[in-house]
Amino acid sequence: MKTINWGIIGCGNIANKFIKALKTFDNAKLMGVASKSGDNAKQYAKKYDVPYFYNNYNDLALNPEIDVVYIANSHNFHKESAMICINNGKAVLCEKSLTVNAAEAIQLVNAARSKQVFLMEAMWSRFQPVTRKVMELIEKKIIGDIRLLTVGFGFKANYDEGNRLFNPRLAGGALLDVGIYPVSLASLIFGKKPTEIKSNAVIGTTGVDESSSYFFTYDNGETALLNSSLTYKNSQLATIIGTKGIIQIPSFWMAEKLIVEIENKNPVTYDYPLRCNGYEYEIEEVMQCLREGKTESSIMPLDESLDIMQTMDQLRSQWNLKYPGE
């Protein structure tokens, strides 16, 4: 198969993890990295033996040897970075959340569709084997009709006002960083937007949501109880309850197993060890789409990414939380 050459915008911790997974592919090569700090890009290039490094995003997007760019900088730069790549005809895998808000997401999606350039939100858990198995079981109605989803993603971050997690100028807060995981899972499980949303949030001293909880109701009476936090760790267990049984997914966002409990039967555990660190599956999806000439993924379609951004906009509007520049 043709080798697909990658570029990366943003030289932070998540890019390290992505590169580790990328290096497991024989038919993929990291060709260039870019950071607004030229020193960071240079260090990355040296560390990973990357041919090109840049101190601005446009030069990377102009490199004719690069096929697709992974956007790995902070949320507030996603739209700008992805738009530069799209306008230069580069395919884009953009780290979640796709943008800061739905208005920005719509601009990106419209640009990608207009120029017929591939664009996908990097919701990496969506592509992992456990998630794919869960959806197979749900489609087969192994646990009947789904009635309730409970899931949360919380961890205790080291408090630092300058840290991107707590910095409003970088679109920090629990929702966009980890709350998007349960919101996206609810979208996947129920296959639609909620008809009613109730929520609350603890707004910290920097003005971002340090923790938040969400209650979604759907048109057939299904419900989702979701939460996220930067100030405490929760179980990170997803529980999907149907009319005939339950599916549990420990560490749902990077799961390696699921447990199915059907009425009057012993629980069954399915094990799916990750091949590397979990990022390899979204990389695989992007490269498969590019080889097939697709401009978006059927697993993480752009319309669903837009729906998720609109849902998160609605949540923030209930908390009167706006980021600088919105």
Protein backbone atom coordinates (compact mmCIF):
# COMPACT_ATOMS: atom_id res chain seq x y z
CA MET A 1 0.00 0.00 0.00
CA LYS A 2 1.06 3.57 -0.69
CA THR A 3 2.83 5.16 2.25
CA ILE A 4 0.82 8.03 3.70
CA ASN A 5 2.88 10.95 4.95
CA TRP A 6 1.73 12.77 8.07
CA GLY A 7 2.33 16.19 9.49
CA ILE A 8 1.57 17.26 13.06
CA ILE A 9 0.61 20.70 14.31
CA GLY A 10 1.23 21.10 18.03
CA CYS A 11 4.16 19.50 19.83
CA GLY A 12 2.68 18.64 23.21
CA ASN A 13 2.09 15.48 25.22
CA ILE A 14 -0.77 14.12 23.10
CA ALA A 15 1.38 14.36 19.98
CA ASN A 16 3.93 12.08 21.67
CA LYS A 17 1.26 9.44 22.17
CA PHE A 18 0.03 9.81 18.61
CA ILE A 19 3.54 9.42 17.20
CA LYS A 20 4.09 6.25 19.22
CA ALA A 21 1.02 4.72 17.56
CA LEU A 22 1.91 6.09 14.13
CA LYS A 23 5.30 4.38 14.26
CA THR A 24 3.58 0.97 14.47
CA PHE A 25 2.52 1.32 10.81
CA ASP A 26 4.88 0.29 8.01
CA ASN A 27 2.88 2.31 5.48
CA ALA A 28 2.85 5.61 7.37
CA LYS A 29 5.58 8.19 7.90
CA LEU A 30 5.81 11.32 10.00
CA MET A 31 7.15 13.85 7.51
CA GLY A 32 6.85 17.18 9.34
CA VAL A 33 6.01 18.87 12.64
CA ALA A 34 5.07 22.48 13.39
CA SER A 35 4.85 24.54 16.54
CA LYS A 36 4.59 28.27 17.14
CA SER A 37 7.65 27.66 19.26
CA GLY A 38 10.33 26.78 16.73
CA ASP A 39 12.43 25.18 19.46
CA ASN A 40 9.66 22.69 20.28
CA ALA A 41 9.32 21.67 16.64
CA LYS A 42 13.08 21.31 16.28
CA GLN A 43 13.29 19.13 19.39
CA TYR A 44 10.43 16.95 18.14
CA ALA A 45 12.06 16.57 14.74
CA LYS A 46 15.32 15.49 16.35
CA LYS A 47 13.60 13.14 18.82
CA TYR A 48 11.53 11.35 16.17
CA ASP A 49 13.84 11.72 13.16
CA VAL A 50 11.37 13.92 11.26
CA PRO A 51 12.64 15.46 7.99
CA TYR A 52 10.90 18.85 8.29
CA PHE A 53 10.09 21.16 11.19
CA TYR A 54 8.46 24.59 11.16
CA ASN A 55 7.73 27.50 13.50
CA ASN A 56 4.47 28.27 11.70
CA TYR A 57 1.56 26.16 10.52
CA ASN A 58 1.26 27.52 7.01
CA ASP A 59 4.71 26.29 5.94
CA LEU A 60 3.86 22.76 7.07
CA ALA A 61 0.58 22.88 5.15
CA LEU A 62 2.46 23.97 2.02
CA ASN A 63 4.80 20.97 2.11
CA PRO A 64 3.89 18.91 -0.99
CA GLU A 65 5.20 15.72 0.61
CA ILE A 66 2.58 15.75 3.40
CA ASP A 67 -0.77 14.04 2.77
CA VAL A 68 -2.59 14.53 6.07
CA VAL A 69 -2.14 16.68 9.16
CA TYR A 70 -2.97 15.79 12.76
CA ILE A 71 -4.04 18.89 14.72
CA ALA A 72 -2.80 18.45 18.30
CA ASN A 73 -2.67 21.97 19.75
CA SER A 74 -5.11 23.52 22.24
CA HIS A 75 -8.84 23.85 21.45
CA ASN A 76 -8.72 27.56 20.71
CA PHE A 77 -6.31 26.99 17.81
CA HIS A 78 -8.14 24.05 16.20
CA LYS A 79 -10.22 26.04 13.74
CA GLU A 80 -7.34 28.26 12.60
CA SER A 81 -4.93 25.32 12.24
CA ALA A 82 -7.37 23.02 10.46
CA MET A 83 -8.51 25.81 8.11
CA ILE A 84 -4.92 26.48 7.03
CA CYS A 85 -4.53 22.81 6.15
CA ILE A 86 -7.89 22.53 4.37
CA ASN A 87 -7.22 25.65 2.31
CA ASN A 88 -3.95 24.07 1.20
CA GLY A 89 -5.65 20.81 0.25
CA LYS A 90 -4.37 18.75 3.17
CA ALA A 91 -6.51 16.07 4.79
CA VAL A 92 -7.10 16.80 8.49
CA LEU A 93 -7.48 14.71 11.63
CA CYS A 94 -8.36 17.29 14.30
CA GLU A 95 -8.11 16.47 17.98
CA LYS A 96 -11.35 16.62 19.93
CA SER A 97 -13.17 18.80 20.51
CA LEU A 98 -13.26 19.66 16.82
CA THR A 99 -13.43 23.39 17.64
CA VAL A 100 -14.42 25.64 20.54
CA ASN A 101 -18.04 25.98 19.43
CA ALA A 102 -20.53 24.92 16.77
CA ALA A 103 -20.17 28.12 14.73
CA GLU A 104 -16.46 27.41 14.24
CA ALA A 105 -17.17 23.73 13.50
CA ILE A 106 -19.68 24.66 10.80
CA GLN A 107 -17.08 26.86 9.10
CA LEU A 108 -14.56 24.01 9.10
CA VAL A 109 -17.01 21.42 7.82
CA ASN A 110 -18.28 23.74 5.08
CA ALA A 111 -14.72 24.49 3.97
CA ALA A 112 -13.74 20.81 3.89
CA ARG A 113 -16.85 19.85 1.94
CA SER A 114 -16.46 22.74 -0.47
CA LYS A 115 -12.87 21.81 -1.25
CA GLN A 116 -13.58 18.05 -1.03
CA VAL A 117 -10.86 17.60 1.55
CA PHE A 118 -10.96 14.87 4.22
CA LEU A 119 -11.78 16.07 7.75
CA MET A 120 -12.42 14.02 10.89
CA GLU A 121 -12.63 14.69 14.60
CA ALA A 122 -10.09 12.62 16.51
CA MET A 123 -12.45 10.99 19.00
CA TRP A 124 -10.02 8.09 19.34
CA SER A 125 -12.20 5.92 21.60
CA ARG A 126 -14.82 5.73 18.82
CA PHE A 127 -12.50 3.50 16.75
CA GLN A 128 -11.23 1.12 19.42
CA PRO A 129 -12.26 -2.57 19.30
CA VAL A 130 -14.29 -2.44 22.52
CA THR A 131 -16.46 0.40 21.21
CA ARG A 132 -17.00 -1.41 17.92
CA LYS A 133 -18.04 -4.57 19.80
CA VAL A 134 -20.43 -2.63 22.02
CA MET A 135 -22.18 -1.19 18.98
CA GLU A 136 -22.40 -4.65 17.41
CA LEU A 137 -24.11 -5.98 20.55
CA ILE A 138 -26.48 -3.01 20.70
CA GLU A 139 -27.44 -3.36 17.04
CA LYS A 140 -28.19 -7.05 17.63
CA LYS A 141 -30.33 -6.01 20.64
CA ILE A 142 -28.42 -8.40 22.88
CA ILE A 143 -29.48 -6.31 25.89
CA GLY A 144 -32.79 -5.26 24.35
CA ASP A 145 -33.77 -1.63 23.88
CA ILE A 146 -31.40 0.85 25.49
CA ARG A 147 -33.02 2.83 28.27
CA LEU A 148 -30.17 4.42 30.27
CA LEU A 149 -26.51 5.36 29.94
CA THR A 150 -24.44 6.40 32.94
CA VAL A 151 -20.85 7.50 32.41
CA GLY A 152 -18.38 10.06 33.63
CA PHE A 153 -14.82 11.11 33.03
CA GLY A 154 -13.08 12.81 35.91
CA PHE A 155 -9.47 13.11 37.00
CA LYS A 156 -7.60 15.33 39.42
CA ALA A 157 -5.41 17.77 37.53
CA ASN A 158 -2.61 19.74 39.15
CA TYR A 159 -4.04 23.20 39.54
CA ASP A 160 -2.19 25.89 37.61
CA GLU A 161 -3.95 28.98 36.25
CA GLY A 162 -1.63 28.96 33.25
CA ASN A 163 -2.30 25.30 32.44
CA ARG A 164 -4.46 24.90 29.32
CA LEU A 165 -7.00 22.93 31.39
CA PHE A 166 -7.78 25.96 33.57
CA ASN A 167 -7.00 28.75 31.11
CA PRO A 168 -10.11 30.31 29.48
CA ARG A 169 -8.00 31.87 26.71
CA LEU A 170 -7.09 28.30 25.66
CA ALA A 171 -10.74 27.17 25.94
CA GLY A 172 -10.01 25.17 29.07
CA GLY A 173 -12.44 23.41 31.37
CA ALA A 174 -13.71 19.91 31.99
CA LEU A 175 -16.35 19.85 29.25
CA LEU A 176 -14.17 20.39 26.18
CA ASP A 177 -11.31 18.29 27.53
CA VAL A 178 -12.96 15.23 29.08
CA GLY A 179 -16.71 15.92 29.16
CA ILE A 180 -16.79 15.45 25.41
CA TYR A 181 -16.08 11.73 25.93
CA PRO A 182 -19.37 10.92 27.71
CA VAL A 183 -21.26 13.37 25.47
CA SER A 184 -19.86 11.66 22.37
CA LEU A 185 -20.58 8.21 23.79
CA ALA A 186 -24.21 9.19 24.41
CA SER A 187 -24.43 10.40 20.81
CA LEU A 188 -23.08 7.06 19.60
CA ILE A 189 -25.25 4.88 21.84
CA PHE A 190 -28.54 6.66 21.17
CA GLY A 191 -27.78 7.77 17.63
CA LYS A 192 -29.47 11.15 18.04
CA LYS A 193 -29.39 14.45 19.88
CA PRO A 194 -31.17 14.78 23.22
CA THR A 195 -34.54 16.52 23.20
CA GLU A 196 -33.97 18.01 26.65
CA ILE A 197 -30.77 18.93 28.46
CA LYS A 198 -30.38 19.81 32.12
CA SER A 199 -27.00 20.48 33.67
CA ASN A 200 -24.97 22.21 36.33
CA ALA A 201 -21.33 23.20 36.62
CA VAL A 202 -18.81 24.34 39.21
CA ILE A 203 -17.09 27.37 37.70
CA GLY A 204 -13.60 27.89 39.10
CA THR A 205 -11.68 31.07 39.85
CA THR A 206 -10.29 31.25 36.29
CA GLY A 207 -13.82 31.17 34.84
CA VAL A 208 -13.86 27.65 33.35
CA ASP A 209 -15.94 24.65 34.40
CA GLU A 210 -13.87 22.59 36.82
CA SER A 211 -16.60 19.95 37.07
CA SER A 212 -20.03 19.53 35.53
CA SER A 213 -22.95 17.11 35.30
CA TYR A 214 -25.47 16.61 32.50
CA PHE A 215 -28.86 14.93 32.28
CA PHE A 216 -30.05 14.15 28.74
CA THR A 217 -33.56 13.02 27.80
CA TYR A 218 -34.39 11.57 24.38
CA ASP A 219 -37.59 11.38 22.36
CA ASN A 220 -38.44 7.80 23.35
CA GLY A 221 -37.82 8.35 27.04
CA GLU A 222 -34.21 7.18 27.09
CA THR A 223 -31.91 9.04 29.47
CA ALA A 224 -28.20 9.66 29.96
CA LEU A 225 -26.53 10.68 33.21
CA LEU A 226 -23.11 12.15 32.45
CA ASN A 227 -20.41 14.07 34.30
CA SER A 228 -16.86 15.32 33.98
CA SER A 229 -14.28 16.86 36.28
CA LEU A 230 -10.77 18.23 36.55
CA THR A 231 -10.84 18.21 40.36
CA TYR A 232 -11.69 14.61 41.24
CA LYS A 233 -11.29 11.18 39.72
CA ASN A 234 -14.41 9.11 39.18
CA SER A 235 -14.86 5.46 38.17
CA GLN A 236 -14.69 6.16 34.41
CA LEU A 237 -17.08 3.24 34.04
CA ALA A 238 -19.73 3.36 31.33
CA THR A 239 -22.91 1.43 32.08
CA ILE A 240 -25.44 0.85 29.31
CA ILE A 241 -28.77 -0.49 30.58
CA GLY A 242 -31.24 -2.17 28.29
CA THR A 243 -34.56 -3.96 28.73
CA LYS A 244 -32.81 -7.37 28.71
CA GLY A 245 -29.44 -6.69 30.30
CA ILE A 246 -26.46 -4.45 30.95
CA ILE A 247 -23.15 -3.67 29.25
CA GLN A 248 -20.34 -2.29 31.41
CA ILE A 249 -17.18 -0.72 29.97
CA PRO A 250 -14.38 -0.10 32.51
CA SER A 251 -12.13 2.86 31.60
CA PHE A 252 -14.53 3.46 28.72
CA TRP A 253 -12.38 6.08 26.97
CA MET A 254 -9.49 3.66 26.42
CA ALA A 255 -11.19 0.37 27.17
CA GLU A 256 -9.70 -3.08 26.76
CA LYS A 257 -12.70 -5.08 27.89
CA LEU A 258 -16.47 -5.04 28.32
CA ILE A 259 -18.81 -7.11 30.49
CA VAL A 260 -22.24 -8.20 29.31
CA GLU A 261 -24.88 -9.26 31.84
CA ILE A 262 -28.03 -10.80 30.37
CA GLU A 263 -31.01 -11.76 32.55
CA ASN A 264 -30.65 -15.23 34.10
CA LYS A 265 -27.22 -15.77 32.54
CA ASN A 266 -23.67 -15.56 33.85
CA PRO A 267 -21.79 -12.39 32.91
CA VAL A 268 -19.59 -12.65 29.82
CA THR A 269 -16.36 -10.67 29.51
CA TYR A 270 -14.90 -9.72 26.13
CA ASP A 271 -11.19 -8.80 26.12
CA TYR A 272 -9.68 -6.60 23.42
CA PRO A 273 -6.12 -5.58 24.37
CA LEU A 274 -4.98 -2.45 22.54
CA ARG A 275 -2.33 -3.11 19.89
CA CYS A 276 -0.38 -0.06 21.02
CA ASN A 277 -1.93 2.78 23.03
CA GLY A 278 -5.33 3.19 21.36
CA TYR A 279 -4.49 5.93 18.87
CA GLU A 280 -3.62 3.38 16.21
CA TYR A 281 -7.27 2.71 15.37
CA GLU A 282 -8.13 6.28 14.40
CA ILE A 283 -4.91 6.45 12.37
CA GLU A 284 -5.96 3.26 10.60
CA GLU A 285 -9.40 4.72 9.84
CA VAL A 286 -7.97 7.93 8.39
CA MET A 287 -5.55 6.11 6.12
CA GLN A 288 -8.24 3.69 4.96
CA CYS A 289 -10.53 6.59 4.12
CA LEU A 290 -7.78 8.39 2.20
CA ARG A 291 -6.95 5.28 0.18
CA GLU A 292 -10.63 4.89 -0.70
CA GLY A 293 -10.94 8.54 -1.69
CA LYS A 294 -13.40 9.40 1.10
CA THR A 295 -13.71 12.91 2.49
CA GLU A 296 -15.18 11.84 5.82
CA SER A 297 -15.50 8.80 8.04
CA SER A 298 -18.73 6.87 8.47
CA ILE A 299 -17.62 5.98 12.01
CA MET A 300 -17.14 9.62 13.10
CA PRO A 301 -19.18 11.58 10.52
CA LEU A 302 -18.96 15.35 10.38
CA ASP A 303 -22.68 15.87 10.93
CA GLU A 304 -22.40 14.03 14.23
CA SER A 305 -19.40 16.12 15.26
CA LEU A 306 -21.54 19.20 14.57
CA ASP A 307 -24.39 17.80 16.68
CA ILE A 308 -21.98 17.16 19.55
CA MET A 309 -20.59 20.71 19.34
CA GLN A 310 -24.15 22.09 19.40
CA THR A 311 -24.94 20.02 22.48
CA MET A 312 -21.85 21.33 24.26
CA ASP A 313 -22.73 24.89 23.25
CA GLN A 314 -26.11 24.37 24.88
CA LEU A 315 -24.46 23.10 28.05
CA ARG A 316 -22.14 26.10 28.28
CA SER A 317 -25.01 28.47 27.62
CA GLN A 318 -26.75 27.06 30.72
CA TRP A 319 -23.66 27.99 32.76
CA ASN A 320 -23.19 31.39 31.08
CA LEU A 321 -19.69 30.23 30.16
CA LYS A 322 -18.13 32.02 27.21
CA TYR A 323 -14.50 31.99 26.18
CA PRO A 324 -12.60 35.17 25.27
CA GLY A 325 -13.27 36.05 21.66
CA GLU A 326 -16.60 34.20 21.38
